Protein backbone atom coordinates (compact mmCIF):
# COMPACT_ATOMS: atom_id res chain seq x y z
CA MET A 1 198.46 -61.07 -15.01
CA LYS A 2 199.18 -57.88 -13.07
CA ASP A 3 202.85 -58.14 -13.99
CA ILE A 4 202.11 -58.10 -17.72
CA SER A 5 199.79 -55.11 -17.29
CA LEU A 6 202.46 -53.29 -15.28
CA TYR A 7 205.15 -53.99 -17.89
CA MET A 8 202.83 -52.85 -20.69
CA GLN A 9 202.04 -49.59 -18.89
CA PHE A 10 205.71 -49.00 -18.20
CA GLY A 11 206.64 -49.80 -21.81
CA LEU A 12 203.99 -47.50 -23.28
CA GLY A 13 204.95 -44.73 -20.88
CA PHE A 14 208.61 -45.11 -21.81
CA ILE A 15 207.81 -45.05 -25.53
CA GLY A 16 205.75 -41.89 -25.00
CA TRP A 17 208.56 -40.29 -23.02
CA ILE A 18 211.08 -41.13 -25.76
CA TYR A 19 208.73 -39.60 -28.36
CA ILE A 20 208.34 -36.38 -26.37
CA VAL A 21 212.09 -36.05 -25.77
CA SER A 22 212.90 -36.69 -29.43
CA LYS A 23 210.38 -34.05 -30.60
CA ALA A 24 211.79 -31.54 -28.09
CA GLY A 25 215.30 -32.28 -29.37
CA GLU A 26 214.12 -31.85 -32.95
CA TRP A 27 212.56 -28.47 -32.10
CA LEU A 28 215.70 -27.32 -30.28
CA THR A 29 217.92 -28.37 -33.19
CA LYS A 30 215.73 -26.54 -35.72
CA ALA A 31 215.63 -23.38 -33.63
CA THR A 32 219.40 -23.43 -33.16
CA PHE A 33 220.05 -24.04 -36.86
CA LYS A 34 217.73 -21.20 -37.90
CA GLN A 35 219.57 -18.76 -35.62
CA TRP A 36 222.93 -19.96 -36.91
CA ALA A 37 221.81 -19.59 -40.52
CA LYS A 38 220.55 -16.07 -39.83
CA ARG A 39 223.87 -15.08 -38.24
CA ARG A 40 225.78 -16.67 -41.11
CA LYS A 41 223.76 -14.69 -43.62
CA GLU A 42 224.46 -11.45 -41.78
CA SER A 43 228.16 -12.20 -41.66
CA ARG A 44 228.14 -13.02 -45.41
CA GLN A 45 226.64 -9.62 -46.12
CA GLN A 46 229.19 -7.91 -43.90
CA LYS A 47 231.99 -9.79 -45.66
CA ALA A 48 230.71 -8.56 -49.02
CA VAL A 49 230.66 -4.95 -47.80
CA ASN A 50 234.19 -5.33 -46.43
CA GLU A 51 235.41 -6.73 -49.76
CA LEU A 52 233.79 -3.85 -51.63
CA TYR A 53 235.41 -1.40 -49.23
CA GLU A 54 238.86 -2.91 -49.79
CA ALA A 55 238.54 -3.48 -53.54
CA TYR A 56 237.62 0.12 -54.35
CA GLU A 57 239.64 1.71 -51.52
CA LEU A 58 236.58 3.49 -50.18
CA ASP A 59 238.51 4.70 -47.15
CA LYS A 60 240.42 7.08 -49.47
CA ILE A 61 237.47 8.95 -50.93
CA ASP A 62 236.83 12.39 -49.52
CA SER A 63 233.61 14.36 -49.17
CA LYS A 64 233.94 15.87 -52.67
CA SER A 65 234.35 12.68 -54.68
CA THR A 66 231.99 9.86 -55.60
CA VAL A 67 232.51 6.27 -56.68
CA ARG A 68 230.18 4.78 -59.29
CA LEU A 69 230.06 1.07 -59.99
CA THR A 70 228.09 -0.46 -62.85
CA THR A 71 227.27 -4.16 -62.70
CA LYS A 72 226.48 -6.62 -65.47
CA GLY A 73 222.75 -6.06 -65.23
CA ASN A 74 223.08 -2.26 -65.61
CA LEU A 75 222.73 -1.70 -61.88
CA VAL A 76 224.59 1.45 -60.83
CA ILE A 77 225.90 1.76 -57.30
CA MET A 78 226.98 5.27 -56.34
CA MET A 79 228.82 5.91 -53.09
CA TYR A 80 229.92 9.17 -51.53
CA ARG A 81 231.06 10.30 -48.12
CA THR A 82 228.87 12.67 -46.12
CA GLY A 83 230.78 15.20 -44.05
CA ASP A 84 234.29 14.68 -42.72
CA LYS A 85 236.03 11.35 -42.53
CA ALA A 86 235.97 10.06 -38.95
């Protein structure tokens, strides 16, 4: 009788341990994925800025000129250089 009780306690303890480890793994995976997604989003934004820079040759504008871009939805983006080019 004591053997069955011992096996049951061990089995329930093991099941509990597996549950705790799986929840910790789930939390770690979610936290890692959220950080990766945040970094990916930042890099997407930086890629868009780099493409804009290359497409309109923004490195060639001087302090006296401006670049105006109008999008489909009547959004106007105006860019100009402040001071000397570094």
